[in-house]
Every structure is written in structure tokens, then in C-alpha cells.
PDB file of N, CA and C in Angstrom:
ATOM      1  N   MET A   1     -19.074  -5.921   4.485  1.00  0.00           N
ATOM      2  CA  MET A   1     -17.686  -5.876   4.764  1.00  0.00           C
ATOM      3  C   MET A   1     -17.085  -4.516   4.204  1.00  0.00           C
ATOM      4  N   GLN A   2     -16.319  -3.853   4.994  1.00  0.00           N
ATOM      5  CA  GLN A   2     -15.524  -2.882   4.910  1.00  0.00           C
ATOM      6  C   GLN A   2     -14.008  -2.752   5.109  1.00  0.00           C
ATOM      7  N   VAL A   3     -13.494  -3.024   4.093  1.00  0.00           N
ATOM      8  CA  VAL A   3     -11.861  -3.043   4.328  1.00  0.00           C
ATOM      9  C   VAL A   3     -11.176  -1.473   4.162  1.00  0.00           C
ATOM     10  N   VAL A   4     -10.219  -1.191   5.107  1.00  0.00           N
ATOM     11  CA  VAL A   4      -9.565  -0.137   5.206  1.00  0.00           C
ATOM     12  C   VAL A   4      -8.324  -0.039   4.946  1.00  0.00           C
ATOM     13  N   ILE A   5      -7.656   0.476   4.107  1.00  0.00           N
ATOM     14  CA  ILE A   5      -6.166   0.480   4.052  1.00  0.00           C
ATOM     15  C   ILE A   5      -5.525   1.979   4.181  1.00  0.00           C
ATOM     16  N   ASP A   6      -4.607   1.793   5.078  1.00  0.00           N
ATOM     17  CA  ASP A   6      -4.035   2.941   5.350  1.00  0.00           C
ATOM     18  C   ASP A   6      -2.872   3.483   4.419  1.00  0.00           C
ATOM     19  N   THR A   7      -2.623   2.731   3.581  1.00  0.00           N
ATOM     20  CA  THR A   7      -1.518   3.192   2.327  1.00  0.00           C
ATOM     21  C   THR A   7      -1.521   1.919   1.290  1.00  0.00           C
ATOM     22  N   PRO A   8      -1.159   2.604  -0.002  1.00  0.00           N
ATOM     23  CA  PRO A   8      -1.729   1.815  -0.952  1.00  0.00           C
ATOM     24  C   PRO A   8      -0.620   0.961  -1.474  1.00  0.00           C
ATOM     25  N   TYR A   9       0.725   1.374  -0.879  1.00  0.00           N
ATOM     26  CA  TYR A   9       2.110   0.654  -1.149  1.00  0.00           C
ATOM     27  C   TYR A   9       2.894   0.426  -0.017  1.00  0.00           C
ATOM     28  N   VAL A  10       3.491  -0.452   0.552  1.00  0.00           N
ATOM     29  CA  VAL A  10       4.613  -0.353   1.568  1.00  0.00           C
ATOM     30  C   VAL A  10       5.496  -1.079   1.060  1.00  0.00           C
ATOM     31  N   THR A  11       6.971  -0.809   1.616  1.00  0.00           N
ATOM     32  CA  THR A  11       8.100  -1.538   1.366  1.00  0.00           C
ATOM     33  C   THR A  11       7.962  -2.726   2.097  1.00  0.00           C
ATOM     34  N   PRO A  12       8.857  -3.731   1.396  1.00  0.00           N
ATOM     35  CA  PRO A  12       8.952  -5.227   1.754  1.00  0.00           C
ATOM     36  C   PRO A  12       9.461  -4.911   3.577  1.00  0.00           C
ATOM     37  N   ASP A  13      10.236  -4.169   3.928  1.00  0.00           N
ATOM     38  CA  ASP A  13      10.674  -4.137   5.284  1.00  0.00           C
ATOM     39  C   ASP A  13       9.316  -3.805   6.185  1.00  0.00           C
ATOM     40  N   GLU A  14       8.589  -2.873   5.958  1.00  0.00           N
ATOM     41  CA  GLU A  14       7.227  -2.635   6.712  1.00  0.00           C
ATOM     42  C   GLU A  14       6.335  -3.689   6.430  1.00  0.00           C
ATOM     43  N   PHE A  15       6.130  -4.331   5.353  1.00  0.00           N
ATOM     44  CA  PHE A  15       5.435  -5.504   4.957  1.00  0.00           C
ATOM     45  C   PHE A  15       5.477  -6.256   6.281  1.00  0.00           C
ATOM     46  N   ALA A  16       6.926  -6.654   6.122  1.00  0.00           N
ATOM     47  CA  ALA A  16       7.378  -7.911   6.845  1.00  0.00           C
ATOM     48  C   ALA A  16       7.242  -7.566   8.543  1.00  0.00           C
ATOM     49  N   ARG A  17       7.356  -6.364   8.654  1.00  0.00           N
ATOM     50  CA  ARG A  17       6.867  -6.064  10.054  1.00  0.00           C
ATOM     51  C   ARG A  17       5.662  -6.070  10.538  1.00  0.00           C
ATOM     52  N   ARG A  18       4.765  -5.943   9.508  1.00  0.00           N
ATOM     53  CA  ARG A  18       3.243  -5.765   9.559  1.00  0.00           C
ATOM     54  C   ARG A  18       2.966  -7.470   9.623  1.00  0.00           C
ATOM     55  N   ALA A  19       3.460  -8.236   8.938  1.00  0.00           N
ATOM     56  CA  ALA A  19       3.058  -9.466   8.693  1.00  0.00           C
ATOM     57  C   ALA A  19       3.663 -10.367   9.532  1.00  0.00           C
ATOM     58  N   GLY A  20       4.862  -9.817  10.258  1.00  0.00           N
ATOM     59  CA  GLY A  20       5.503 -10.699  11.308  1.00  0.00           C
ATOM     60  C   GLY A  20       6.366 -11.869  10.589  1.00  0.00           C
ATOM     61  N   LEU A  21       6.842 -11.453   9.612  1.00  0.00           N
ATOM     62  CA  LEU A  21       7.854 -12.122   8.881  1.00  0.00           C
ATOM     63  C   LEU A  21       9.045 -11.726   8.542  1.00  0.00           C
ATOM     64  N   SER A  22      10.326 -12.605   8.288  1.00  0.00           N
ATOM     65  CA  SER A  22      11.617 -11.612   7.884  1.00  0.00           C
ATOM     66  C   SER A  22      11.378 -11.112   6.791  1.00  0.00           C
ATOM     67  N   GLU A  23      12.362  -9.949   6.309  1.00  0.00           N
ATOM     68  CA  GLU A  23      12.362  -9.304   5.253  1.00  0.00           C
ATOM     69  C   GLU A  23      12.731 -10.602   3.973  1.00  0.00           C
ATOM     70  N   ARG A  24      13.775 -11.329   4.371  1.00  0.00           N
ATOM     71  CA  ARG A  24      13.994 -11.850   3.132  1.00  0.00           C
ATOM     72  C   ARG A  24      13.114 -13.188   2.961  1.00  0.00           C
ATOM     73  N   SER A  25      11.889 -13.505   3.999  1.00  0.00           N
ATOM     74  CA  SER A  25      10.939 -14.331   3.346  1.00  0.00           C
ATOM     75  C   SER A  25       9.911 -13.320   2.423  1.00  0.00           C
ATOM     76  N   VAL A  26       9.740 -12.079   2.776  1.00  0.00           N
ATOM     77  CA  VAL A  26       9.092 -11.215   1.981  1.00  0.00           C
ATOM     78  C   VAL A  26       9.658 -11.446   0.702  1.00  0.00           C
ATOM     79  N   ARG A  27      10.793 -11.147   0.722  1.00  0.00           N
ATOM     80  CA  ARG A  27      11.416 -10.865  -0.801  1.00  0.00           C
ATOM     81  C   ARG A  27      11.518 -12.281  -1.438  1.00  0.00           C
ATOM     82  N   HIS A  28      11.682 -13.541  -1.031  1.00  0.00           N
ATOM     83  CA  HIS A  28      11.336 -14.702  -1.500  1.00  0.00           C
ATOM     84  C   HIS A  28       9.999 -14.633  -2.178  1.00  0.00           C
ATOM     85  N   LYS A  29       8.896 -14.365  -1.262  1.00  0.00           N
ATOM     86  CA  LYS A  29       7.654 -14.206  -1.865  1.00  0.00           C
ATOM     87  C   LYS A  29       7.298 -13.470  -3.240  1.00  0.00           C
ATOM     88  N   ILE A  30       8.308 -12.512  -3.193  1.00  0.00           N
ATOM     89  CA  ILE A  30       8.043 -11.565  -4.385  1.00  0.00           C
ATOM     90  C   ILE A  30       8.629 -12.012  -5.292  1.00  0.00           C
ATOM     91  N   ASP A  31       9.895 -12.625  -5.212  1.00  0.00           N
ATOM     92  CA  ASP A  31      10.530 -13.504  -6.316  1.00  0.00           C
ATOM     93  C   ASP A  31       9.670 -14.525  -7.229  1.00  0.00           C
ATOM     94  N   GLN A  32       8.806 -15.212  -6.215  1.00  0.00           N
ATOM     95  CA  GLN A  32       8.180 -16.233  -6.485  1.00  0.00           C
ATOM     96  C   GLN A  32       6.663 -15.607  -7.165  1.00  0.00           C
ATOM     97  N   GLY A  33       6.342 -14.463  -7.304  1.00  0.00           N
ATOM     98  CA  GLY A  33       5.206 -13.937  -7.668  1.00  0.00           C
ATOM     99  C   GLY A  33       3.864 -14.097  -6.625  1.00  0.00           C
ATOM    100  N   MET A  34       4.398 -14.422  -5.618  1.00  0.00           N
ATOM    101  CA  MET A  34       3.342 -14.417  -4.609  1.00  0.00           C
ATOM    102  C   MET A  34       2.642 -13.323  -4.026  1.00  0.00           C
ATOM    103  N   ILE A  35       3.503 -12.160  -3.818  1.00  0.00           N
ATOM    104  CA  ILE A  35       3.369 -10.807  -3.593  1.00  0.00           C
ATOM    105  C   ILE A  35       3.360  -9.688  -4.721  1.00  0.00           C
ATOM    106  N   LEU A  36       2.338  -8.783  -4.973  1.00  0.00           N
ATOM    107  CA  LEU A  36       2.514  -8.286  -6.185  1.00  0.00           C
ATOM    108  C   LEU A  36       3.003  -6.909  -5.869  1.00  0.00           C
ATOM    109  N   VAL A  37       3.943  -6.383  -6.476  1.00  0.00           N
ATOM    110  CA  VAL A  37       4.792  -4.947  -6.616  1.00  0.00           C
ATOM    111  C   VAL A  37       4.508  -4.218  -7.484  1.00  0.00           C
ATOM    112  N   ARG A  38       4.424  -3.191  -6.904  1.00  0.00           N
ATOM    113  CA  ARG A  38       4.423  -1.921  -8.140  1.00  0.00           C
ATOM    114  C   ARG A  38       5.682  -1.963  -9.111  1.00  0.00           C
ATOM    115  N   GLU A  39       5.187  -1.866 -10.354  1.00  0.00           N
ATOM    116  CA  GLU A  39       5.815  -1.838 -11.620  1.00  0.00           C
ATOM    117  C   GLU A  39       6.982  -0.924 -11.890  1.00  0.00           C
ATOM    118  N   LYS A  40       8.113  -0.929 -12.000  1.00  0.00           N
ATOM    119  CA  LYS A  40       9.068   0.170 -12.282  1.00  0.00           C
ATOM    120  C   LYS A  40       8.670   0.595 -13.416  1.00  0.00           C
ATOM    121  N   GLU A  41       9.049   2.198 -13.458  1.00  0.00           N
ATOM    122  CA  GLU A  41       9.104   2.788 -14.998  1.00  0.00           C
ATOM    123  C   GLU A  41       9.665   2.322 -16.000  1.00  0.00           C
ATOM    124  N   PRO A  42       9.273   2.348 -17.128  1.00  0.00           N
ATOM    125  CA  PRO A  42      10.260   1.767 -18.340  1.00  0.00           C
ATOM    126  C   PRO A  42      11.673   2.205 -18.186  1.00  0.00           C
ATOM    127  N   GLY A  43      12.508   1.372 -18.528  1.00  0.00           N
ATOM    128  CA  GLY A  43      13.965   1.962 -18.410  1.00  0.00           C
ATOM    129  C   GLY A  43      14.241   2.026 -16.895  1.00  0.00           C
ATOM    130  N   GLN A  44      13.646   1.841 -15.845  1.00  0.00           N
ATOM    131  CA  GLN A  44      14.202   1.862 -14.694  1.00  0.00           C
ATOM    132  C   GLN A  44      14.614   0.561 -14.202  1.00  0.00           C
ATOM    133  N   LYS A  45      16.090   0.349 -13.631  1.00  0.00           N
ATOM    134  CA  LYS A  45      16.355  -0.755 -13.084  1.00  0.00           C
ATOM    135  C   LYS A  45      16.331  -0.909 -11.743  1.00  0.00           C
ATOM    136  N   LYS A  46      16.877   0.275 -11.199  1.00  0.00           N
ATOM    137  CA  LYS A  46      16.720   0.287  -9.858  1.00  0.00           C
ATOM    138  C   LYS A  46      16.019   1.238  -8.983  1.00  0.00           C
ATOM    139  N   GLY A  47      15.441   1.031  -7.561  1.00  0.00           N
ATOM    140  CA  GLY A  47      14.860   2.034  -7.158  1.00  0.00           C
ATOM    141  C   GLY A  47      13.978   0.847  -5.908  1.00  0.00           C
ATOM    142  N   THR A  48      13.401   1.650  -5.120  1.00  0.00           N
ATOM    143  CA  THR A  48      12.707   1.103  -4.182  1.00  0.00           C
ATOM    144  C   THR A  48      11.343   0.216  -4.759  1.00  0.00           C
ATOM    145  N   VAL A  49      11.442  -1.107  -4.033  1.00  0.00           N
ATOM    146  CA  VAL A  49      10.404  -2.068  -4.235  1.00  0.00           C
ATOM    147  C   VAL A  49       8.943  -1.668  -3.431  1.00  0.00           C
ATOM    148  N   PHE A  50       7.882  -1.394  -4.021  1.00  0.00           N
ATOM    149  CA  PHE A  50       6.791  -1.270  -3.282  1.00  0.00           C
ATOM    150  C   PHE A  50       5.770  -2.236  -3.447  1.00  0.00           C
ATOM    151  N   ILE A  51       5.142  -2.704  -2.150  1.00  0.00           N
ATOM    152  CA  ILE A  51       4.352  -4.021  -2.419  1.00  0.00           C
ATOM    153  C   ILE A  51       2.585  -3.337  -2.333  1.00  0.00           C
ATOM    154  N   ASN A  52       2.126  -3.820  -3.355  1.00  0.00           N
ATOM    155  CA  ASN A  52       0.618  -3.383  -3.749  1.00  0.00           C
ATOM    156  C   ASN A  52      -0.310  -3.921  -2.297  1.00  0.00           C
ATOM    157  N   MET A  53      -0.800  -3.084  -1.549  1.00  0.00           N
ATOM    158  CA  MET A  53      -1.555  -3.374  -0.385  1.00  0.00           C
ATOM    159  C   MET A  53      -2.787  -3.588  -0.848  1.00  0.00           C
ATOM    160  N   VAL A  54      -3.074  -2.458  -2.017  1.00  0.00           N
ATOM    161  CA  VAL A  54      -4.681  -2.906  -2.468  1.00  0.00           C
ATOM    162  C   VAL A  54      -5.230  -4.056  -3.157  1.00  0.00           C
ATOM    163  N   TYR A  55      -4.031  -4.528  -3.902  1.00  0.00           N
ATOM    164  CA  TYR A  55      -4.418  -5.950  -4.518  1.00  0.00           C
ATOM    165  C   TYR A  55      -4.349  -6.752  -3.423  1.00  0.00           C
ATOM    166  N   LEU A  56      -3.580  -6.807  -2.498  1.00  0.00           N
ATOM    167  CA  LEU A  56      -3.701  -7.985  -1.156  1.00  0.00           C
ATOM    168  C   LEU A  56      -5.267  -7.991  -0.483  1.00  0.00           C
ATOM    169  N   ALA A  57      -5.614  -6.504  -0.376  1.00  0.00           N
ATOM    170  CA  ALA A  57      -6.842  -6.535   0.431  1.00  0.00           C
ATOM    171  C   ALA A  57      -7.935  -7.344  -0.570  1.00  0.00           C
ATOM    172  N   MET A  58      -7.667  -6.859  -1.781  1.00  0.00           N
ATOM    173  CA  MET A  58      -8.774  -7.171  -2.923  1.00  0.00           C
ATOM    174  C   MET A  58      -8.821  -8.793  -2.640  1.00  0.00           C
ATOM    175  N   GLU A  59      -7.621  -9.187  -3.112  1.00  0.00           N
ATOM    176  CA  GLU A  59      -7.464 -10.817  -2.830  1.00  0.00           C
ATOM    177  C   GLU A  59      -7.952 -11.400  -1.331  1.00  0.00           C
ATOM    178  N   ALA A  60      -7.713 -10.894  -0.345  1.00  0.00           N
ATOM    179  CA  ALA A  60      -8.387 -11.035   0.913  1.00  0.00           C
ATOM    180  C   ALA A  60     -10.045 -11.089   1.061  1.00  0.00           C
ATOM    181  N   THR A  61     -10.404 -10.212   0.325  1.00  0.00           N
ATOM    182  CA  THR A  61     -11.915 -10.052   0.413  1.00  0.00           C
ATOM    183  C   THR A  61     -12.432 -11.022  -0.535  1.00  0.00           C
ATOM    184  N   GLU A  62     -11.872 -11.383  -1.676  1.00  0.00           N
ATOM    185  CA  GLU A  62     -12.417 -12.662  -2.595  1.00  0.00           C
ATOM    186  C   GLU A  62     -12.247 -13.728  -2.063  1.00  0.00           C
ATOM    187  N   GLN A  63     -11.269 -13.933  -1.266  1.00  0.00           N
ATOM    188  CA  GLN A  63     -10.938 -15.360  -0.752  1.00  0.00           C
ATOM    189  C   GLN A  63     -12.127 -15.284   0.620  1.00  0.00           C
ATOM    190  N   ALA A  64     -12.294 -14.525   1.160  1.00  0.00           N
ATOM    191  CA  ALA A  64     -13.416 -14.486   2.472  1.00  0.00           C
ATOM    192  C   ALA A  64     -15.075 -14.795   1.799  1.00  0.00           C
ATOM    193  N   GLU A  65     -14.908 -14.320   0.405  1.00  0.00           N
ATOM    194  CA  GLU A  65     -16.396 -14.350  -0.112  1.00  0.00           C
ATOM    195  C   GLU A  65     -16.401 -15.686  -0.720  1.00  0.00           C
ATOM    196  N   ARG A  66     -15.439 -16.384  -1.021  1.00  0.00           N
ATOM    197  CA  ARG A  66     -15.308 -17.710  -1.552  1.00  0.00           C
ATOM    198  C   ARG A  66     -15.702 -18.724  -0.520  1.00  0.00           C
ATOM    199  N   VAL A  67     -15.105 -18.454   0.700  1.00  0.00           N
ATOM    200  CA  VAL A  67     -15.380 -19.466   1.938  1.00  0.00           C
ATOM    201  C   VAL A  67     -16.658 -19.248   2.454  1.00  0.00           C
ATOM    202  N   ARG A  68     -17.023 -17.941   2.510  1.00  0.00           N
ATOM    203  CA  ARG A  68     -18.682 -17.724   2.701  1.00  0.00           C
ATOM    204  C   ARG A  68     -19.515 -18.178   1.832  1.00  0.00           C
ATOM    205  N   GLY A  69     -18.990 -18.716   0.570  1.00  0.00           N
ATOM    206  CA  GLY A  69     -20.171 -18.925  -0.166  1.00  0.00           C
ATOM    207  C   GLY A  69     -20.883 -17.708  -1.219  1.00  0.00           C
ATOM    208  N   GLY A  70     -19.989 -16.817  -1.104  1.00  0.00           N
ATOM    209  CA  GLY A  70     -20.327 -15.524  -1.778  1.00  0.00           C
ATOM    210  C   GLY A  70     -21.383 -14.867  -1.034  1.00  0.00           C
ATOM    211  N   LYS A  71     -21.727 -15.431  -0.109  1.00  0.00           N
ATOM    212  CA  LYS A  71     -23.143 -14.703   0.392  1.00  0.00           C
ATOM    213  C   LYS A  71     -22.531 -13.628   1.368  1.00  0.00           C
ATOM    214  N   SER A  72     -23.158 -12.566   1.579  1.00  0.00           N
ATOM    215  CA  SER A  72     -22.757 -11.634   2.534  1.00  0.00           C
ATOM    216  C   SER A  72     -24.195 -10.939   3.319  1.00  0.00           C
ATOM    217  N   LYS A  73     -24.068 -11.063   4.596  1.00  0.00           N
ATOM    218  CA  LYS A  73     -25.130 -10.704   5.314  1.00  0.00           C
ATOM    219  C   LYS A  73     -24.964  -9.561   6.109  1.00  0.00           C
ATOM    220  N   SER A  74     -25.802  -8.648   6.200  1.00  0.00           N
ATOM    221  CA  SER A  74     -25.782  -7.571   6.971  1.00  0.00           C
ATOM    222  C   SER A  74     -26.294  -7.870   8.376  1.00  0.00           C
ATOM    223  N   LYS A  75     -26.187  -7.148   9.442  1.00  0.00           N
ATOM    224  CA  LYS A  75     -26.483  -7.137  10.654  1.00  0.00           C
ATOM    225  C   LYS A  75     -28.256  -7.508  10.797  1.00  0.00           C
ATOM    226  N   THR A  76     -28.868  -6.646   9.812  1.00  0.00           N
ATOM    227  CA  THR A  76     -30.434  -7.233   9.876  1.00  0.00           C
ATOM    228  C   THR A  76     -30.868  -8.309   8.981  1.00  0.00           C
ATOM    229  N   GLY A  77     -29.945  -9.107   8.584  1.00  0.00           N
ATOM    230  CA  GLY A  77     -30.161 -10.425   7.986  1.00  0.00           C
ATOM    231  C   GLY A  77     -30.330 -10.425   6.534  1.00  0.00           C
ATOM    232  N   GLU A  78     -30.123  -9.146   5.782  1.00  0.00           N
ATOM    233  CA  GLU A  78     -30.278  -9.072   4.361  1.00  0.00           C
ATOM    234  C   GLU A  78     -29.198  -9.442   3.574  1.00  0.00           C
ATOM    235  N   GLN A  79     -29.505  -9.820   2.411  1.00  0.00           N
ATOM    236  CA  GLN A  79     -28.313 -10.298   1.380  1.00  0.00           C
ATOM    237  C   GLN A  79     -28.286  -9.353   0.596  1.00  0.00           C
TER     238      GLN A  79
END
């Protein structure tokens, strides 16, 4: 399996657009810790929030592997 990510981070607005969710729903999930965001620099209180798309792709890959029982098969039938 190959996962391609077009950008490592997106704003909550862009994530909401891609996921078909409201921005309010996305921000609620961020507040609950369900969506990982880029940490701010020490001392930085304000600034743009960025959602970590690499982490979400890794999480999705791990979930897919668990569902498949940890087995990955190529088109030739090899493991």
C-alpha cells in the first residue's frame, strides 16, 4: 500500500472542506484531542492552527493493517 500526502499540514478550514465537516466540528475534535495539530513555538500563544496530515495518514494505515490482520499482500500474492 502506498499513501500519498499532498501537504503535511492543513488549516482546520481546509480539513473541514476535504472531510465534508463543518469547521466548528473540526475545531471541536481538535479540542477533544481527536485530531492532532502542530505544536506552537514556546511562548507563542496565537497563530494559525495546523492539522498534522502525516499523523492522520499513519493512523489510517495502522487501522487498515489491524482490520486486515496485519497481512499485506501484493498483486502477485506474496506477503
